[in-house]
All heavy atoms as atom14 arrays in JSON, in Angstrom:
{
  "sequence": "CDGKPLSVLIESKLLHIHSLLCKCKLCSSTVKDQHDQ",
  "atom14_mask": [
    [1, 1, 1, 1, 1, 1, 0, 0, 0, 0, 0, 0, 0, 0],
    [1, 1, 1, 1, 1, 1, 1, 1, 0, 0, 0, 0, 0, 0],
    [1, 1, 1, 1, 0, 0, 0, 0, 0, 0, 0, 0, 0, 0],
    [1, 1, 1, 1, 1, 1, 1, 1, 1, 0, 0, 0, 0, 0],
    [1, 1, 1, 1, 1, 1, 1, 0, 0, 0, 0, 0, 0, 0],
    [1, 1, 1, 1, 1, 1, 1, 1, 0, 0, 0, 0, 0, 0],
    [1, 1, 1, 1, 1, 1, 0, 0, 0, 0, 0, 0, 0, 0],
    [1, 1, 1, 1, 1, 1, 1, 0, 0, 0, 0, 0, 0, 0],
    [1, 1, 1, 1, 1, 1, 1, 1, 0, 0, 0, 0, 0, 0],
    [1, 1, 1, 1, 1, 1, 1, 1, 0, 0, 0, 0, 0, 0],
    [1, 1, 1, 1, 1, 1, 1, 1, 1, 0, 0, 0, 0, 0],
    [1, 1, 1, 1, 1, 1, 0, 0, 0, 0, 0, 0, 0, 0],
    [1, 1, 1, 1, 1, 1, 1, 1, 1, 0, 0, 0, 0, 0],
    [1, 1, 1, 1, 1, 1, 1, 1, 0, 0, 0, 0, 0, 0],
    [1, 1, 1, 1, 1, 1, 1, 1, 0, 0, 0, 0, 0, 0],
    [1, 1, 1, 1, 1, 1, 1, 1, 1, 1, 0, 0, 0, 0],
    [1, 1, 1, 1, 1, 1, 1, 1, 0, 0, 0, 0, 0, 0],
    [1, 1, 1, 1, 1, 1, 1, 1, 1, 1, 0, 0, 0, 0],
    [1, 1, 1, 1, 1, 1, 0, 0, 0, 0, 0, 0, 0, 0],
    [1, 1, 1, 1, 1, 1, 1, 1, 0, 0, 0, 0, 0, 0],
    [1, 1, 1, 1, 1, 1, 1, 1, 0, 0, 0, 0, 0, 0],
    [1, 1, 1, 1, 1, 1, 0, 0, 0, 0, 0, 0, 0, 0],
    [1, 1, 1, 1, 1, 1, 1, 1, 1, 0, 0, 0, 0, 0],
    [1, 1, 1, 1, 1, 1, 0, 0, 0, 0, 0, 0, 0, 0],
    [1, 1, 1, 1, 1, 1, 1, 1, 1, 0, 0, 0, 0, 0],
    [1, 1, 1, 1, 1, 1, 1, 1, 0, 0, 0, 0, 0, 0],
    [1, 1, 1, 1, 1, 1, 0, 0, 0, 0, 0, 0, 0, 0],
    [1, 1, 1, 1, 1, 1, 0, 0, 0, 0, 0, 0, 0, 0],
    [1, 1, 1, 1, 1, 1, 0, 0, 0, 0, 0, 0, 0, 0],
    [1, 1, 1, 1, 1, 1, 1, 0, 0, 0, 0, 0, 0, 0],
    [1, 1, 1, 1, 1, 1, 1, 0, 0, 0, 0, 0, 0, 0],
    [1, 1, 1, 1, 1, 1, 1, 1, 1, 0, 0, 0, 0, 0],
    [1, 1, 1, 1, 1, 1, 1, 1, 0, 0, 0, 0, 0, 0],
    [1, 1, 1, 1, 1, 1, 1, 1, 1, 0, 0, 0, 0, 0],
    [1, 1, 1, 1, 1, 1, 1, 1, 1, 1, 0, 0, 0, 0],
    [1, 1, 1, 1, 1, 1, 1, 1, 0, 0, 0, 0, 0, 0],
    [1, 1, 1, 1, 1, 1, 1, 1, 1, 0, 0, 0, 0, 0]
  ],
  "atom14_positions": [
    [[-70.21, 109.0, -53.13], [-69.88, 108.19, -54.3], [-71.04, 107.23, -54.52], [-71.31, 106.37, -53.68], [-68.57, 107.42, -54.07], [-68.12, 106.31, -55.42], [0.0, 0.0, 0.0], [0.0, 0.0, 0.0], [0.0, 0.0, 0.0], [0.0, 0.0, 0.0], [0.0, 0.0, 0.0], [0.0, 0.0, 0.0], [0.0, 0.0, 0.0], [0.0, 0.0, 0.0]],
    [[-71.74, 107.4, -55.65], [-72.93, 106.59, -55.93], [-73.94, 106.67, -54.8], [-74.56, 105.66, -54.42], [-72.55, 105.13, -56.19], [-71.74, 104.95, -57.47], [-71.91, 105.76, -58.39], [-70.94, 104.0, -57.54], [0.0, 0.0, 0.0], [0.0, 0.0, 0.0], [0.0, 0.0, 0.0], [0.0, 0.0, 0.0], [0.0, 0.0, 0.0], [0.0, 0.0, 0.0]],
    [[-74.1, 107.87, -54.23], [-75.09, 108.08, -53.19], [-74.67, 107.62, -51.82], [-75.46, 107.7, -50.87], [0.0, 0.0, 0.0], [0.0, 0.0, 0.0], [0.0, 0.0, 0.0], [0.0, 0.0, 0.0], [0.0, 0.0, 0.0], [0.0, 0.0, 0.0], [0.0, 0.0, 0.0], [0.0, 0.0, 0.0], [0.0, 0.0, 0.0], [0.0, 0.0, 0.0]],
    [[-73.44, 107.13, -51.68], [-72.96, 106.67, -50.38], [-71.75, 107.5, -49.96], [-70.98, 107.96, -50.8], [-72.57, 105.19, -50.45], [-73.73, 104.28, -50.83], [-73.28, 102.84, -50.94], [-74.43, 101.93, -51.35], [-73.99, 100.51, -51.49], [0.0, 0.0, 0.0], [0.0, 0.0, 0.0], [0.0, 0.0, 0.0], [0.0, 0.0, 0.0], [0.0, 0.0, 0.0]],
    [[-71.55, 107.68, -48.66], [-70.39, 108.46, -48.2], [-69.08, 107.76, -48.54], [-69.02, 106.54, -48.68], [-70.6, 108.56, -46.69], [-71.49, 107.41, -46.35], [-72.39, 107.22, -47.54], [0.0, 0.0, 0.0], [0.0, 0.0, 0.0], [0.0, 0.0, 0.0], [0.0, 0.0, 0.0], [0.0, 0.0, 0.0], [0.0, 0.0, 0.0], [0.0, 0.0, 0.0]],
    [[-68.03, 108.54, -48.64], [-66.73, 108.02, -49.01], [-66.23, 106.99, -47.99], [-65.43, 106.1, -48.33], [-65.72, 109.16, -49.13], [-64.55, 108.94, -50.09], [-65.05, 108.68, -51.5], [-63.64, 110.17, -50.07], [0.0, 0.0, 0.0], [0.0, 0.0, 0.0], [0.0, 0.0, 0.0], [0.0, 0.0, 0.0], [0.0, 0.0, 0.0], [0.0, 0.0, 0.0]],
    [[-66.69, 107.09, -46.78], [-66.26, 106.16, -45.74], [-66.58, 104.71, -46.1], [-65.9, 103.78, -45.66], [-66.92, 106.51, -44.4], [-68.34, 106.5, -44.52], [0.0, 0.0, 0.0], [0.0, 0.0, 0.0], [0.0, 0.0, 0.0], [0.0, 0.0, 0.0], [0.0, 0.0, 0.0], [0.0, 0.0, 0.0], [0.0, 0.0, 0.0], [0.0, 0.0, 0.0]],
    [[-67.62, 104.5, -46.92], [-67.98, 103.14, -47.34], [-66.87, 102.52, -48.17], [-66.55, 101.34, -48.04], [-69.3, 103.17, -48.14], [-69.6, 101.8, -48.74], [-70.45, 103.61, -47.24], [0.0, 0.0, 0.0], [0.0, 0.0, 0.0], [0.0, 0.0, 0.0], [0.0, 0.0, 0.0], [0.0, 0.0, 0.0], [0.0, 0.0, 0.0], [0.0, 0.0, 0.0]],
    [[-66.24, 103.33, -49.04], [-65.14, 102.83, -49.86], [-63.93, 102.48, -49.0], [-63.19, 101.54, -49.29], [-64.74, 103.86, -50.92], [-65.81, 104.23, -51.96], [-65.23, 105.22, -52.96], [-66.32, 102.99, -52.68], [0.0, 0.0, 0.0], [0.0, 0.0, 0.0], [0.0, 0.0, 0.0], [0.0, 0.0, 0.0], [0.0, 0.0, 0.0], [0.0, 0.0, 0.0]],
    [[-63.74, 103.26, -47.95], [-62.61, 103.0, -47.05], [-62.87, 101.74, -46.24], [-61.98, 100.89, -46.08], [-62.38, 104.21, -46.12], [-62.02, 105.44, -46.96], [-61.29, 103.92, -45.11], [-61.98, 106.72, -46.17], [0.0, 0.0, 0.0], [0.0, 0.0, 0.0], [0.0, 0.0, 0.0], [0.0, 0.0, 0.0], [0.0, 0.0, 0.0], [0.0, 0.0, 0.0]],
    [[-64.09, 101.59, -45.73], [-64.42, 100.41, -44.92], [-64.35, 99.13, -45.75], [-63.97, 98.07, -45.24], [-65.83, 100.58, -44.33], [-65.91, 101.69, -43.28], [-67.34, 102.06, -42.93], [-68.26, 101.42, -43.5], [-67.55, 102.96, -42.1], [0.0, 0.0, 0.0], [0.0, 0.0, 0.0], [0.0, 0.0, 0.0], [0.0, 0.0, 0.0], [0.0, 0.0, 0.0]],
    [[-64.69, 99.23, -47.03], [-64.64, 98.05, -47.9], [-63.25, 97.85, -48.51], [-63.05, 96.94, -49.31], [-65.66, 98.18, -49.03], [-65.38, 99.33, -49.83], [0.0, 0.0, 0.0], [0.0, 0.0, 0.0], [0.0, 0.0, 0.0], [0.0, 0.0, 0.0], [0.0, 0.0, 0.0], [0.0, 0.0, 0.0], [0.0, 0.0, 0.0], [0.0, 0.0, 0.0]],
    [[-62.3, 98.72, -48.11], [-60.91, 98.64, -48.55], [-60.72, 98.89, -50.04], [-59.72, 98.48, -50.62], [-60.3, 97.28, -48.16], [-60.23, 97.07, -46.65], [-59.5, 95.8, -46.29], [-59.41, 95.64, -44.77], [-58.69, 94.4, -44.39], [0.0, 0.0, 0.0], [0.0, 0.0, 0.0], [0.0, 0.0, 0.0], [0.0, 0.0, 0.0], [0.0, 0.0, 0.0]],
    [[-61.68, 99.56, -50.66], [-61.47, 100.04, -52.02], [-60.54, 101.24, -52.02], [-59.88, 101.54, -53.01], [-62.81, 100.41, -52.66], [-63.69, 99.22, -53.08], [-65.05, 99.69, -53.53], [-63.01, 98.4, -54.15], [0.0, 0.0, 0.0], [0.0, 0.0, 0.0], [0.0, 0.0, 0.0], [0.0, 0.0, 0.0], [0.0, 0.0, 0.0], [0.0, 0.0, 0.0]],
    [[-60.5, 101.96, -50.89], [-59.55, 103.04, -50.68], [-58.74, 102.72, -49.43], [-59.29, 102.22, -48.44], [-60.26, 104.4, -50.51], [-60.97, 104.96, -51.73], [-61.65, 106.28, -51.38], [-60.02, 105.16, -52.9], [0.0, 0.0, 0.0], [0.0, 0.0, 0.0], [0.0, 0.0, 0.0], [0.0, 0.0, 0.0], [0.0, 0.0, 0.0], [0.0, 0.0, 0.0]],
    [[-57.46, 103.04, -49.49], [-56.56, 102.72, -48.37], [-55.93, 104.0, -47.84], [-55.27, 104.72, -48.58], [-55.48, 101.76, -48.86], [-54.35, 101.58, -47.89], [-54.49, 100.88, -46.7], [-53.06, 102.01, -47.93], [-53.34, 100.89, -46.06], [-52.45, 101.56, -46.77], [0.0, 0.0, 0.0], [0.0, 0.0, 0.0], [0.0, 0.0, 0.0], [0.0, 0.0, 0.0]],
    [[-56.18, 104.31, -46.57], [-55.61, 105.52, -45.96], [-54.17, 105.25, -45.54], [-53.88, 104.27, -44.86], [-56.44, 105.95, -44.73], [-57.86, 106.34, -45.15], [-55.78, 107.13, -44.03], [-58.73, 106.81, -44.01], [0.0, 0.0, 0.0], [0.0, 0.0, 0.0], [0.0, 0.0, 0.0], [0.0, 0.0, 0.0], [0.0, 0.0, 0.0], [0.0, 0.0, 0.0]],
    [[-53.28, 106.13, -45.96], [-51.87, 105.96, -45.64], [-51.61, 106.23, -44.16], [-52.33, 107.01, -43.51], [-51.01, 106.91, -46.48], [-50.97, 106.55, -47.93], [-49.96, 106.96, -48.77], [-51.81, 105.81, -48.69], [-50.19, 106.5, -49.98], [-51.31, 105.81, -49.97], [0.0, 0.0, 0.0], [0.0, 0.0, 0.0], [0.0, 0.0, 0.0], [0.0, 0.0, 0.0]],
    [[-50.57, 105.64, -43.65], [-50.15, 105.86, -42.28], [-49.68, 107.3, -42.07], [-49.21, 107.96, -43.01], [-49.01, 104.9, -41.94], [-48.28, 105.34, -40.83], [0.0, 0.0, 0.0], [0.0, 0.0, 0.0], [0.0, 0.0, 0.0], [0.0, 0.0, 0.0], [0.0, 0.0, 0.0], [0.0, 0.0, 0.0], [0.0, 0.0, 0.0], [0.0, 0.0, 0.0]],
    [[-49.8, 107.79, -40.85], [-49.32, 109.13, -40.53], [-47.81, 109.24, -40.71], [-47.27, 110.33, -40.91], [-49.69, 109.49, -39.09], [-51.19, 109.68, -38.79], [-51.38, 109.92, -37.29], [-51.75, 110.85, -39.59], [0.0, 0.0, 0.0], [0.0, 0.0, 0.0], [0.0, 0.0, 0.0], [0.0, 0.0, 0.0], [0.0, 0.0, 0.0], [0.0, 0.0, 0.0]],
    [[-47.12, 108.12, -40.66], [-45.66, 108.11, -40.82], [-45.24, 107.79, -42.24], [-44.05, 107.62, -42.51], [-45.05, 107.08, -39.86], [-45.35, 107.29, -38.37], [-44.73, 106.16, -37.55], [-44.82, 108.65, -37.9], [0.0, 0.0, 0.0], [0.0, 0.0, 0.0], [0.0, 0.0, 0.0], [0.0, 0.0, 0.0], [0.0, 0.0, 0.0], [0.0, 0.0, 0.0]],
    [[-46.2, 107.72, -43.14], [-45.9, 107.38, -44.53], [-44.96, 108.42, -45.15], [-45.14, 109.62, -44.96], [-47.18, 107.29, -45.35], [-46.92, 106.87, -47.09], [0.0, 0.0, 0.0], [0.0, 0.0, 0.0], [0.0, 0.0, 0.0], [0.0, 0.0, 0.0], [0.0, 0.0, 0.0], [0.0, 0.0, 0.0], [0.0, 0.0, 0.0], [0.0, 0.0, 0.0]],
    [[-43.96, 107.94, -45.89], [-42.97, 108.83, -46.5], [-43.1, 108.91, -48.01], [-42.2, 109.4, -48.68], [-41.56, 108.36, -46.13], [-41.26, 108.4, -44.64], [-39.85, 107.92, -44.34], [-39.56, 107.96, -42.85], [-38.18, 107.47, -42.56], [0.0, 0.0, 0.0], [0.0, 0.0, 0.0], [0.0, 0.0, 0.0], [0.0, 0.0, 0.0], [0.0, 0.0, 0.0]],
    [[-44.2, 108.44, -48.56], [-44.37, 108.49, -50.01], [-44.6, 109.92, -50.47], [-44.87, 110.83, -49.66], [-45.52, 107.6, -50.45], [-47.16, 108.3, -50.17], [0.0, 0.0, 0.0], [0.0, 0.0, 0.0], [0.0, 0.0, 0.0], [0.0, 0.0, 0.0], [0.0, 0.0, 0.0], [0.0, 0.0, 0.0], [0.0, 0.0, 0.0], [0.0, 0.0, 0.0]],
    [[-44.51, 110.14, -51.76], [-44.61, 111.49, -52.3], [-46.01, 112.08, -52.14], [-46.17, 113.29, -52.07], [-44.21, 111.49, -53.77], [-42.73, 111.2, -53.98], [-42.33, 111.31, -55.43], [-40.83, 111.07, -55.59], [-40.4, 111.17, -57.0], [0.0, 0.0, 0.0], [0.0, 0.0, 0.0], [0.0, 0.0, 0.0], [0.0, 0.0, 0.0], [0.0, 0.0, 0.0]],
    [[-47.02, 111.21, -52.1], [-48.38, 111.72, -51.9], [-48.53, 112.34, -50.51], [-49.3, 113.29, -50.33], [-49.39, 110.59, -52.06], [-49.54, 109.98, -53.46], [-50.52, 108.82, -53.42], [-50.0, 111.03, -54.46], [0.0, 0.0, 0.0], [0.0, 0.0, 0.0], [0.0, 0.0, 0.0], [0.0, 0.0, 0.0], [0.0, 0.0, 0.0], [0.0, 0.0, 0.0]],
    [[-47.82, 111.8, -49.55], [-47.91, 112.3, -48.17], [-46.83, 113.34, -47.86], [-46.78, 113.84, -46.73], [-47.78, 111.13, -47.2], [-49.11, 109.91, -47.35], [0.0, 0.0, 0.0], [0.0, 0.0, 0.0], [0.0, 0.0, 0.0], [0.0, 0.0, 0.0], [0.0, 0.0, 0.0], [0.0, 0.0, 0.0], [0.0, 0.0, 0.0], [0.0, 0.0, 0.0]],
    [[-46.0, 113.64, -48.82], [-44.9, 114.59, -48.59], [-45.44, 116.01, -48.42], [-46.43, 116.4, -49.04], [-43.93, 114.54, -49.78], [-42.97, 115.57, -49.67], [0.0, 0.0, 0.0], [0.0, 0.0, 0.0], [0.0, 0.0, 0.0], [0.0, 0.0, 0.0], [0.0, 0.0, 0.0], [0.0, 0.0, 0.0], [0.0, 0.0, 0.0], [0.0, 0.0, 0.0]],
    [[-44.76, 116.78, -47.6], [-45.16, 118.18, -47.36], [-44.28, 119.15, -48.14], [-44.45, 120.36, -48.03], [-45.08, 118.51, -45.86], [-43.74, 118.31, -45.38], [0.0, 0.0, 0.0], [0.0, 0.0, 0.0], [0.0, 0.0, 0.0], [0.0, 0.0, 0.0], [0.0, 0.0, 0.0], [0.0, 0.0, 0.0], [0.0, 0.0, 0.0], [0.0, 0.0, 0.0]],
    [[-43.33, 118.64, -48.93], [-42.45, 119.53, -49.69], [-43.22, 120.21, -50.81], [-44.16, 119.64, -51.38], [-41.26, 118.77, -50.28], [-41.73, 117.86, -51.29], [-40.51, 117.99, -49.21], [0.0, 0.0, 0.0], [0.0, 0.0, 0.0], [0.0, 0.0, 0.0], [0.0, 0.0, 0.0], [0.0, 0.0, 0.0], [0.0, 0.0, 0.0], [0.0, 0.0, 0.0]],
    [[-42.81, 121.42, -51.14], [-43.49, 122.2, -52.17], [-43.42, 121.49, -53.51], [-44.4, 121.45, -54.27], [-42.87, 123.6, -52.27], [-43.46, 124.37, -53.45], [-43.08, 124.37, -50.97], [0.0, 0.0, 0.0], [0.0, 0.0, 0.0], [0.0, 0.0, 0.0], [0.0, 0.0, 0.0], [0.0, 0.0, 0.0], [0.0, 0.0, 0.0], [0.0, 0.0, 0.0]],
    [[-42.26, 120.9, -53.83], [-42.08, 120.23, -55.12], [-43.03, 119.05, -55.27], [-43.71, 118.91, -56.3], [-40.64, 119.76, -55.3], [-40.41, 119.04, -56.62], [-39.01, 118.46, -56.7], [-38.8, 117.76, -58.04], [-39.79, 116.67, -58.27], [0.0, 0.0, 0.0], [0.0, 0.0, 0.0], [0.0, 0.0, 0.0], [0.0, 0.0, 0.0], [0.0, 0.0, 0.0]],
    [[-43.08, 118.19, -54.27], [-43.94, 117.01, -54.35], [-45.41, 117.39, -54.44], [-46.19, 116.75, -55.17], [-43.71, 116.09, -53.15], [-42.38, 115.36, -53.23], [-41.87, 115.2, -54.35], [-41.85, 114.96, -52.18], [0.0, 0.0, 0.0], [0.0, 0.0, 0.0], [0.0, 0.0, 0.0], [0.0, 0.0, 0.0], [0.0, 0.0, 0.0], [0.0, 0.0, 0.0]],
    [[-45.81, 118.43, -53.73], [-47.19, 118.88, -53.81], [-47.48, 119.53, -55.16], [-48.56, 119.37, -55.73], [-47.49, 119.85, -52.68], [-47.49, 119.2, -51.3], [-47.88, 120.15, -50.19], [-48.09, 121.34, -50.42], [-47.96, 119.64, -48.97], [0.0, 0.0, 0.0], [0.0, 0.0, 0.0], [0.0, 0.0, 0.0], [0.0, 0.0, 0.0], [0.0, 0.0, 0.0]],
    [[-46.48, 120.25, -55.68], [-46.64, 120.9, -56.98], [-46.75, 119.88, -58.1], [-47.49, 120.07, -59.07], [-45.44, 121.83, -57.23], [-45.63, 122.75, -58.39], [-46.79, 123.43, -58.64], [-44.78, 123.11, -59.39], [-46.67, 124.18, -59.72], [-45.45, 123.98, -60.21], [0.0, 0.0, 0.0], [0.0, 0.0, 0.0], [0.0, 0.0, 0.0], [0.0, 0.0, 0.0]],
    [[-46.03, 118.76, -57.96], [-46.08, 117.71, -58.97], [-47.45, 117.04, -59.05], [-47.74, 116.35, -60.03], [-45.01, 116.65, -58.69], [-43.62, 117.11, -59.08], [-43.52, 118.11, -59.82], [-42.63, 116.5, -58.62], [0.0, 0.0, 0.0], [0.0, 0.0, 0.0], [0.0, 0.0, 0.0], [0.0, 0.0, 0.0], [0.0, 0.0, 0.0], [0.0, 0.0, 0.0]],
    [[-48.28, 117.22, -58.05], [-49.62, 116.64, -58.05], [-50.66, 117.55, -58.68], [-51.84, 117.19, -58.76], [-50.04, 116.3, -56.62], [-49.17, 115.28, -55.92], [-49.6, 115.04, -54.49], [-50.79, 114.95, -54.18], [-48.64, 114.96, -53.59], [0.0, 0.0, 0.0], [0.0, 0.0, 0.0], [0.0, 0.0, 0.0], [0.0, 0.0, 0.0], [0.0, 0.0, 0.0]]
  ]
}
């Protein structure tokens, strides 16, 4: 991103990695939730 690795955005907290236990639809493994994306 702009010549820098994506890890820079994560370290600067511009991107936030969800927890492994996150139950939101983005982290869902169901076919419907993935299909909706």
